[in-house]
N, C-alpha and C. Protein backbone atom coordinates (compact mmCIF):
# COMPACT_ATOMS: atom_id res chain seq x y z
N MET A 1 22.38 -41.02 4.60
CA MET A 1 22.04 -39.60 4.58
C MET A 1 21.84 -39.14 6.02
N SER A 2 22.45 -38.05 6.39
CA SER A 2 22.22 -37.49 7.70
C SER A 2 20.86 -36.79 7.70
N LYS A 3 20.32 -36.62 8.88
CA LYS A 3 19.00 -36.02 8.99
C LYS A 3 19.05 -34.53 8.68
N LEU A 4 18.19 -34.08 7.78
CA LEU A 4 18.05 -32.68 7.41
C LEU A 4 16.88 -32.07 8.17
N ASN A 5 16.93 -30.78 8.37
CA ASN A 5 15.76 -30.06 8.85
C ASN A 5 15.06 -29.51 7.62
N GLY A 6 14.37 -30.41 6.91
CA GLY A 6 13.72 -30.05 5.66
C GLY A 6 12.65 -28.99 5.83
N VAL A 7 11.94 -29.04 6.95
CA VAL A 7 10.91 -28.03 7.22
C VAL A 7 11.55 -26.65 7.26
N HIS A 8 12.67 -26.53 7.95
CA HIS A 8 13.36 -25.25 8.05
C HIS A 8 13.81 -24.76 6.66
N ILE A 9 14.35 -25.65 5.86
CA ILE A 9 14.83 -25.29 4.51
C ILE A 9 13.67 -24.79 3.65
N VAL A 10 12.57 -25.55 3.62
CA VAL A 10 11.42 -25.17 2.78
C VAL A 10 10.79 -23.87 3.28
N GLU A 11 10.62 -23.74 4.59
CA GLU A 11 10.00 -22.51 5.09
C GLU A 11 10.92 -21.30 4.89
N ALA A 12 12.24 -21.50 4.91
CA ALA A 12 13.16 -20.41 4.59
C ALA A 12 13.02 -20.02 3.11
N PHE A 13 12.84 -21.02 2.25
CA PHE A 13 12.59 -20.76 0.83
C PHE A 13 11.31 -19.95 0.66
N TRP A 14 10.22 -20.41 1.30
CA TRP A 14 8.94 -19.68 1.19
C TRP A 14 9.13 -18.22 1.63
N ALA A 15 9.82 -18.02 2.77
CA ALA A 15 10.00 -16.68 3.31
C ALA A 15 10.80 -15.79 2.36
N ALA A 16 11.86 -16.31 1.79
CA ALA A 16 12.72 -15.50 0.91
C ALA A 16 12.06 -15.24 -0.44
N VAL A 17 11.58 -16.30 -1.08
CA VAL A 17 11.12 -16.18 -2.47
C VAL A 17 9.69 -15.68 -2.56
N TRP A 18 8.73 -16.36 -1.95
CA TRP A 18 7.33 -16.01 -2.14
C TRP A 18 6.87 -14.91 -1.20
N GLN A 19 7.37 -14.90 0.02
CA GLN A 19 6.97 -13.83 0.94
C GLN A 19 7.85 -12.59 0.77
N GLY A 20 9.13 -12.79 0.54
CA GLY A 20 10.08 -11.68 0.40
C GLY A 20 10.26 -11.18 -1.02
N LYS A 21 9.71 -11.89 -1.98
CA LYS A 21 9.82 -11.52 -3.41
C LYS A 21 11.27 -11.40 -3.87
N ASP A 22 12.16 -12.20 -3.27
CA ASP A 22 13.58 -12.22 -3.66
C ASP A 22 13.80 -13.42 -4.58
N PHE A 23 13.49 -13.25 -5.85
CA PHE A 23 13.57 -14.36 -6.79
C PHE A 23 15.01 -14.79 -7.05
N ASP A 24 15.97 -13.93 -6.79
CA ASP A 24 17.37 -14.33 -6.91
C ASP A 24 17.76 -15.32 -5.81
N ALA A 25 16.99 -15.38 -4.73
CA ALA A 25 17.26 -16.36 -3.66
C ALA A 25 17.11 -17.79 -4.18
N ILE A 26 16.40 -17.96 -5.28
CA ILE A 26 16.27 -19.28 -5.89
C ILE A 26 17.66 -19.86 -6.17
N ASP A 27 18.61 -19.02 -6.54
CA ASP A 27 19.98 -19.48 -6.80
C ASP A 27 20.61 -20.10 -5.55
N ARG A 28 20.31 -19.57 -4.38
CA ARG A 28 20.87 -20.09 -3.13
C ARG A 28 20.20 -21.39 -2.70
N PHE A 29 18.92 -21.52 -2.94
CA PHE A 29 18.15 -22.65 -2.43
C PHE A 29 18.10 -23.86 -3.36
N CYS A 30 18.16 -23.65 -4.65
CA CYS A 30 17.87 -24.72 -5.62
C CYS A 30 19.12 -25.16 -6.38
N VAL A 31 19.15 -26.46 -6.70
CA VAL A 31 20.21 -26.99 -7.55
C VAL A 31 20.03 -26.42 -8.96
N GLU A 32 21.10 -26.45 -9.74
CA GLU A 32 21.06 -25.88 -11.08
C GLU A 32 20.04 -26.60 -11.97
N ASP A 33 19.93 -27.92 -11.82
CA ASP A 33 18.98 -28.68 -12.65
C ASP A 33 17.65 -28.91 -11.92
N PHE A 34 17.25 -27.96 -11.09
CA PHE A 34 15.99 -28.00 -10.35
C PHE A 34 14.82 -28.23 -11.30
N VAL A 35 13.81 -28.95 -10.81
CA VAL A 35 12.59 -29.18 -11.58
C VAL A 35 11.41 -28.83 -10.68
N ILE A 36 10.47 -28.07 -11.21
CA ILE A 36 9.18 -27.90 -10.58
C ILE A 36 8.16 -28.53 -11.51
N THR A 37 7.34 -29.40 -10.94
CA THR A 37 6.25 -30.02 -11.68
C THR A 37 4.98 -29.38 -11.17
N SER A 38 4.37 -28.57 -11.99
CA SER A 38 3.18 -27.81 -11.61
C SER A 38 2.02 -28.26 -12.48
N GLY A 39 1.02 -28.87 -11.83
CA GLY A 39 -0.12 -29.36 -12.59
C GLY A 39 0.28 -30.39 -13.63
N GLY A 40 1.33 -31.17 -13.35
CA GLY A 40 1.79 -32.21 -14.25
C GLY A 40 2.75 -31.74 -15.33
N VAL A 41 3.08 -30.46 -15.37
CA VAL A 41 3.99 -29.91 -16.37
C VAL A 41 5.33 -29.60 -15.71
N ASP A 42 6.42 -30.11 -16.29
CA ASP A 42 7.75 -29.88 -15.74
C ASP A 42 8.35 -28.59 -16.27
N VAL A 43 8.88 -27.79 -15.35
CA VAL A 43 9.70 -26.63 -15.67
C VAL A 43 11.10 -27.02 -15.22
N ARG A 44 12.02 -27.13 -16.17
CA ARG A 44 13.35 -27.69 -15.89
C ARG A 44 14.42 -26.60 -15.91
N SER A 45 15.21 -26.59 -14.89
CA SER A 45 16.39 -25.74 -14.66
C SER A 45 16.03 -24.62 -13.68
N ARG A 46 17.03 -24.26 -12.92
CA ARG A 46 16.87 -23.20 -11.93
C ARG A 46 16.48 -21.89 -12.60
N ASP A 47 17.13 -21.56 -13.73
CA ASP A 47 16.81 -20.31 -14.42
C ASP A 47 15.38 -20.30 -14.97
N SER A 48 14.93 -21.43 -15.50
CA SER A 48 13.55 -21.51 -16.00
C SER A 48 12.56 -21.40 -14.86
N PHE A 49 12.89 -22.00 -13.72
CA PHE A 49 12.02 -21.89 -12.55
C PHE A 49 11.95 -20.45 -12.07
N LYS A 50 13.08 -19.76 -12.08
CA LYS A 50 13.10 -18.36 -11.65
C LYS A 50 12.18 -17.53 -12.55
N ALA A 51 12.25 -17.73 -13.84
CA ALA A 51 11.38 -17.01 -14.78
C ALA A 51 9.92 -17.37 -14.54
N TRP A 52 9.64 -18.65 -14.30
CA TRP A 52 8.28 -19.12 -14.02
C TRP A 52 7.74 -18.45 -12.76
N ALA A 53 8.55 -18.39 -11.70
CA ALA A 53 8.13 -17.80 -10.43
C ALA A 53 7.82 -16.31 -10.60
N LYS A 54 8.66 -15.61 -11.35
CA LYS A 54 8.43 -14.18 -11.58
C LYS A 54 7.13 -13.97 -12.35
N GLN A 55 6.89 -14.81 -13.36
CA GLN A 55 5.67 -14.69 -14.15
C GLN A 55 4.45 -14.97 -13.28
N PHE A 56 4.52 -16.03 -12.46
CA PHE A 56 3.40 -16.36 -11.58
C PHE A 56 3.12 -15.20 -10.63
N ASN A 57 4.16 -14.64 -10.04
CA ASN A 57 4.02 -13.51 -9.11
C ASN A 57 3.37 -12.32 -9.81
N HIS A 58 3.71 -12.10 -11.08
CA HIS A 58 3.15 -10.98 -11.83
C HIS A 58 1.64 -11.12 -12.03
N LEU A 59 1.13 -12.35 -12.08
CA LEU A 59 -0.29 -12.58 -12.34
C LEU A 59 -1.17 -12.28 -11.13
N ILE A 60 -0.56 -12.07 -9.96
CA ILE A 60 -1.32 -11.77 -8.75
C ILE A 60 -0.73 -10.52 -8.11
N THR A 61 -1.43 -9.41 -8.22
CA THR A 61 -0.99 -8.16 -7.61
C THR A 61 -1.00 -8.33 -6.09
N ASP A 62 0.03 -7.83 -5.44
CA ASP A 62 0.14 -7.92 -3.98
C ASP A 62 0.02 -9.36 -3.48
N LEU A 63 0.68 -10.28 -4.19
CA LEU A 63 0.63 -11.69 -3.82
C LEU A 63 1.06 -11.87 -2.37
N ARG A 64 0.24 -12.59 -1.63
CA ARG A 64 0.55 -12.94 -0.24
C ARG A 64 0.60 -14.46 -0.17
N PHE A 65 1.64 -14.97 0.46
CA PHE A 65 1.85 -16.41 0.57
C PHE A 65 1.87 -16.78 2.05
N ASP A 66 0.89 -17.56 2.49
CA ASP A 66 0.80 -17.98 3.89
C ASP A 66 0.98 -19.49 3.99
N VAL A 67 1.90 -19.90 4.84
CA VAL A 67 2.12 -21.33 5.10
C VAL A 67 1.07 -21.80 6.10
N ILE A 68 0.38 -22.87 5.77
CA ILE A 68 -0.61 -23.45 6.68
C ILE A 68 0.06 -24.49 7.57
N GLU A 69 0.80 -25.41 6.95
CA GLU A 69 1.57 -26.38 7.72
C GLU A 69 2.63 -27.00 6.82
N THR A 70 3.70 -27.45 7.47
CA THR A 70 4.82 -28.08 6.76
C THR A 70 5.33 -29.23 7.62
N PHE A 71 5.60 -30.37 7.00
CA PHE A 71 6.12 -31.51 7.74
C PHE A 71 7.04 -32.32 6.83
N GLN A 72 7.83 -33.20 7.42
CA GLN A 72 8.85 -33.92 6.65
C GLN A 72 8.87 -35.39 7.00
N ASN A 73 9.54 -36.17 6.14
CA ASN A 73 9.77 -37.58 6.44
C ASN A 73 10.89 -37.68 7.48
N ASP A 74 11.25 -38.89 7.85
CA ASP A 74 12.18 -39.09 8.96
C ASP A 74 13.54 -38.45 8.74
N ASP A 75 14.10 -38.56 7.53
CA ASP A 75 15.45 -38.03 7.32
C ASP A 75 15.46 -36.61 6.74
N GLY A 76 14.29 -36.04 6.51
CA GLY A 76 14.21 -34.66 6.02
C GLY A 76 14.40 -34.49 4.53
N SER A 77 14.50 -35.60 3.79
CA SER A 77 14.73 -35.50 2.35
C SER A 77 13.44 -35.24 1.56
N ARG A 78 12.30 -35.42 2.19
CA ARG A 78 10.99 -35.12 1.57
C ARG A 78 10.21 -34.24 2.53
N VAL A 79 9.65 -33.19 1.99
CA VAL A 79 8.87 -32.24 2.79
C VAL A 79 7.54 -32.00 2.08
N ALA A 80 6.48 -31.95 2.86
CA ALA A 80 5.16 -31.62 2.33
C ALA A 80 4.69 -30.33 3.00
N SER A 81 4.04 -29.50 2.22
CA SER A 81 3.57 -28.23 2.74
C SER A 81 2.21 -27.89 2.15
N ARG A 82 1.36 -27.34 3.00
CA ARG A 82 0.08 -26.78 2.55
C ARG A 82 0.17 -25.28 2.73
N TRP A 83 -0.38 -24.53 1.79
CA TRP A 83 -0.26 -23.08 1.81
C TRP A 83 -1.46 -22.42 1.16
N ARG A 84 -1.55 -21.09 1.33
CA ARG A 84 -2.61 -20.29 0.71
C ARG A 84 -1.96 -19.08 0.05
N VAL A 85 -2.40 -18.79 -1.17
CA VAL A 85 -2.00 -17.59 -1.90
C VAL A 85 -3.21 -16.68 -2.00
N SER A 86 -3.00 -15.41 -1.80
CA SER A 86 -4.08 -14.45 -1.99
C SER A 86 -3.50 -13.17 -2.57
N GLY A 87 -4.36 -12.37 -3.11
CA GLY A 87 -3.97 -11.11 -3.72
C GLY A 87 -5.08 -10.63 -4.63
N ARG A 88 -4.69 -9.95 -5.71
CA ARG A 88 -5.67 -9.44 -6.66
C ARG A 88 -5.32 -9.94 -8.07
N ASN A 89 -6.34 -10.29 -8.82
CA ASN A 89 -6.17 -10.85 -10.16
C ASN A 89 -5.51 -9.86 -11.11
N ASN A 90 -4.36 -10.28 -11.64
CA ASN A 90 -3.67 -9.47 -12.64
C ASN A 90 -3.50 -10.27 -13.93
N GLY A 91 -4.52 -11.09 -14.24
CA GLY A 91 -4.50 -11.86 -15.48
C GLY A 91 -4.42 -13.36 -15.29
N MET A 92 -4.73 -13.84 -14.09
CA MET A 92 -4.72 -15.30 -13.86
C MET A 92 -5.64 -15.99 -14.86
N PHE A 93 -5.23 -17.15 -15.31
CA PHE A 93 -6.03 -18.01 -16.20
C PHE A 93 -6.39 -17.32 -17.51
N GLY A 94 -5.63 -16.29 -17.88
CA GLY A 94 -5.93 -15.56 -19.10
C GLY A 94 -7.13 -14.64 -18.98
N LEU A 95 -7.65 -14.46 -17.78
CA LEU A 95 -8.78 -13.56 -17.56
C LEU A 95 -8.29 -12.12 -17.54
N PRO A 96 -9.18 -11.17 -17.79
CA PRO A 96 -8.77 -9.76 -17.75
C PRO A 96 -8.20 -9.41 -16.37
N PRO A 97 -7.17 -8.58 -16.33
CA PRO A 97 -6.56 -8.19 -15.05
C PRO A 97 -7.42 -7.15 -14.33
N ASP A 98 -8.51 -7.62 -13.74
CA ASP A 98 -9.50 -6.72 -13.15
C ASP A 98 -9.24 -6.38 -11.68
N GLN A 99 -8.17 -6.93 -11.11
CA GLN A 99 -7.75 -6.63 -9.74
C GLN A 99 -8.76 -7.09 -8.68
N ARG A 100 -9.65 -8.03 -9.07
CA ARG A 100 -10.55 -8.60 -8.05
C ARG A 100 -9.75 -9.50 -7.12
N ALA A 101 -10.25 -9.67 -5.91
CA ALA A 101 -9.59 -10.53 -4.92
C ALA A 101 -9.54 -11.96 -5.44
N VAL A 102 -8.41 -12.61 -5.20
CA VAL A 102 -8.24 -14.01 -5.55
C VAL A 102 -7.55 -14.70 -4.37
N SER A 103 -7.98 -15.93 -4.11
CA SER A 103 -7.39 -16.69 -3.01
C SER A 103 -7.55 -18.18 -3.34
N PHE A 104 -6.50 -18.94 -3.10
CA PHE A 104 -6.57 -20.38 -3.32
C PHE A 104 -5.53 -21.07 -2.46
N THR A 105 -5.77 -22.35 -2.25
CA THR A 105 -4.83 -23.16 -1.47
C THR A 105 -4.04 -24.06 -2.42
N GLY A 106 -2.98 -24.63 -1.88
CA GLY A 106 -2.18 -25.55 -2.66
C GLY A 106 -1.33 -26.43 -1.77
N THR A 107 -0.73 -27.41 -2.39
CA THR A 107 0.20 -28.30 -1.70
C THR A 107 1.48 -28.38 -2.51
N ALA A 108 2.57 -28.63 -1.79
CA ALA A 108 3.86 -28.80 -2.44
C ALA A 108 4.58 -29.96 -1.76
N ILE A 109 5.16 -30.82 -2.57
CA ILE A 109 6.03 -31.89 -2.08
C ILE A 109 7.42 -31.59 -2.61
N TRP A 110 8.40 -31.60 -1.72
CA TRP A 110 9.77 -31.24 -2.06
C TRP A 110 10.70 -32.43 -1.91
N GLN A 111 11.68 -32.52 -2.79
CA GLN A 111 12.81 -33.44 -2.66
C GLN A 111 14.04 -32.59 -2.36
N ILE A 112 14.75 -32.96 -1.28
CA ILE A 112 15.89 -32.17 -0.83
C ILE A 112 17.15 -33.03 -0.87
N ARG A 113 18.19 -32.49 -1.46
CA ARG A 113 19.47 -33.18 -1.57
C ARG A 113 20.17 -33.20 -0.20
N GLU A 114 21.13 -34.09 -0.04
CA GLU A 114 21.85 -34.25 1.23
C GLU A 114 22.46 -32.96 1.75
N ASP A 115 22.86 -32.06 0.85
CA ASP A 115 23.48 -30.80 1.28
C ASP A 115 22.45 -29.71 1.57
N GLY A 116 21.16 -30.05 1.52
CA GLY A 116 20.11 -29.10 1.84
C GLY A 116 19.57 -28.32 0.66
N LYS A 117 20.06 -28.58 -0.54
CA LYS A 117 19.57 -27.89 -1.73
C LYS A 117 18.27 -28.54 -2.22
N LEU A 118 17.35 -27.71 -2.67
CA LEU A 118 16.08 -28.17 -3.22
C LEU A 118 16.30 -28.73 -4.62
N MET A 119 15.78 -29.96 -4.85
CA MET A 119 15.99 -30.63 -6.14
C MET A 119 14.74 -30.64 -7.01
N HIS A 120 13.59 -30.92 -6.39
CA HIS A 120 12.35 -31.08 -7.16
C HIS A 120 11.20 -30.63 -6.29
N ASN A 121 10.22 -30.00 -6.90
CA ASN A 121 9.01 -29.56 -6.23
C ASN A 121 7.82 -29.94 -7.08
N TRP A 122 6.91 -30.71 -6.48
CA TRP A 122 5.65 -31.07 -7.12
C TRP A 122 4.57 -30.21 -6.50
N VAL A 123 3.85 -29.44 -7.33
CA VAL A 123 2.87 -28.48 -6.83
C VAL A 123 1.51 -28.75 -7.43
N GLU A 124 0.50 -28.69 -6.59
CA GLU A 124 -0.89 -28.73 -7.04
C GLU A 124 -1.62 -27.57 -6.36
N ARG A 125 -2.42 -26.86 -7.14
CA ARG A 125 -3.18 -25.72 -6.62
C ARG A 125 -4.67 -25.96 -6.84
N ALA A 126 -5.48 -25.29 -6.05
CA ALA A 126 -6.93 -25.34 -6.21
C ALA A 126 -7.33 -24.39 -7.35
N SER A 127 -6.80 -24.67 -8.53
CA SER A 127 -6.99 -23.78 -9.68
C SER A 127 -8.44 -23.73 -10.16
N TRP A 128 -9.10 -24.86 -10.16
CA TRP A 128 -10.50 -24.91 -10.62
C TRP A 128 -11.37 -24.00 -9.76
N GLU A 129 -11.18 -24.07 -8.46
CA GLU A 129 -11.95 -23.25 -7.54
C GLU A 129 -11.61 -21.77 -7.70
N ALA A 130 -10.33 -21.46 -7.86
CA ALA A 130 -9.91 -20.07 -8.05
C ALA A 130 -10.46 -19.51 -9.37
N TYR A 131 -10.39 -20.31 -10.41
CA TYR A 131 -10.92 -19.88 -11.71
C TYR A 131 -12.42 -19.58 -11.60
N ASN A 132 -13.15 -20.51 -10.99
CA ASN A 132 -14.61 -20.32 -10.85
C ASN A 132 -14.93 -19.08 -10.02
N ALA A 133 -14.15 -18.81 -8.99
CA ALA A 133 -14.39 -17.63 -8.16
C ALA A 133 -14.18 -16.35 -8.97
N LEU A 134 -13.18 -16.34 -9.84
CA LEU A 134 -12.91 -15.16 -10.67
C LEU A 134 -13.88 -15.05 -11.85
N ASN A 135 -14.44 -16.15 -12.24
CA ASN A 135 -15.26 -16.22 -13.44
C ASN A 135 -16.75 -16.32 -13.07
N VAL A 136 -17.14 -15.78 -11.92
CA VAL A 136 -18.51 -15.84 -11.42
C VAL A 136 -19.48 -15.34 -12.48
N GLY A 137 -20.54 -16.11 -12.65
CA GLY A 137 -21.59 -15.69 -13.58
C GLY A 137 -21.33 -16.06 -15.02
N LYS A 138 -20.18 -16.64 -15.30
CA LYS A 138 -19.86 -17.07 -16.67
C LYS A 138 -19.90 -18.58 -16.72
N SER A 139 -20.30 -19.13 -17.83
CA SER A 139 -20.32 -20.59 -17.96
C SER A 139 -18.89 -21.09 -18.12
N VAL A 140 -18.63 -22.21 -17.47
CA VAL A 140 -17.28 -22.80 -17.55
C VAL A 140 -17.37 -24.21 -18.07
C-alpha cells in the first residue's frame, strides 16, 4: 500500500459533511458498502450512513463541528480524530427539543482504502455527559 495522507482525507470529510452540511459529499468520500459503528451499533451502506448523518444533524440545531486533533498510522490507512460538537438541543436522546445549549466531545477511528475512500468509521461520543447536562435536575 502506498502512503496515504489520511489526515487530509478525514479532515476534508469533516469540512464537507459536518462543517459544510453537504451530506451528498458522503458519496464522494465513502465506499458504497461503508460502515459506521456508533456506540457499538453498525449502520451499513453509504446510503444508510447518509440518512443517519442527516438525522443526527437534525437533532442539534446549528450543529458546529470542531476538530481538536487528527493523526494517522504510518501508511495512512488508519486515522484517529478527536472532535467537539456543539449547538442547541433539537431532541437529542429523545428529550424535548428545548433548544438549550449542548456540547460534547467524541473520537473517531477511520479505515481508509488504498484509493483514499473511507471504508469504516468507529465513533464514540461523550453521550452520558451530554445527556446529564441536558437532563439537569432529573434523576437518571
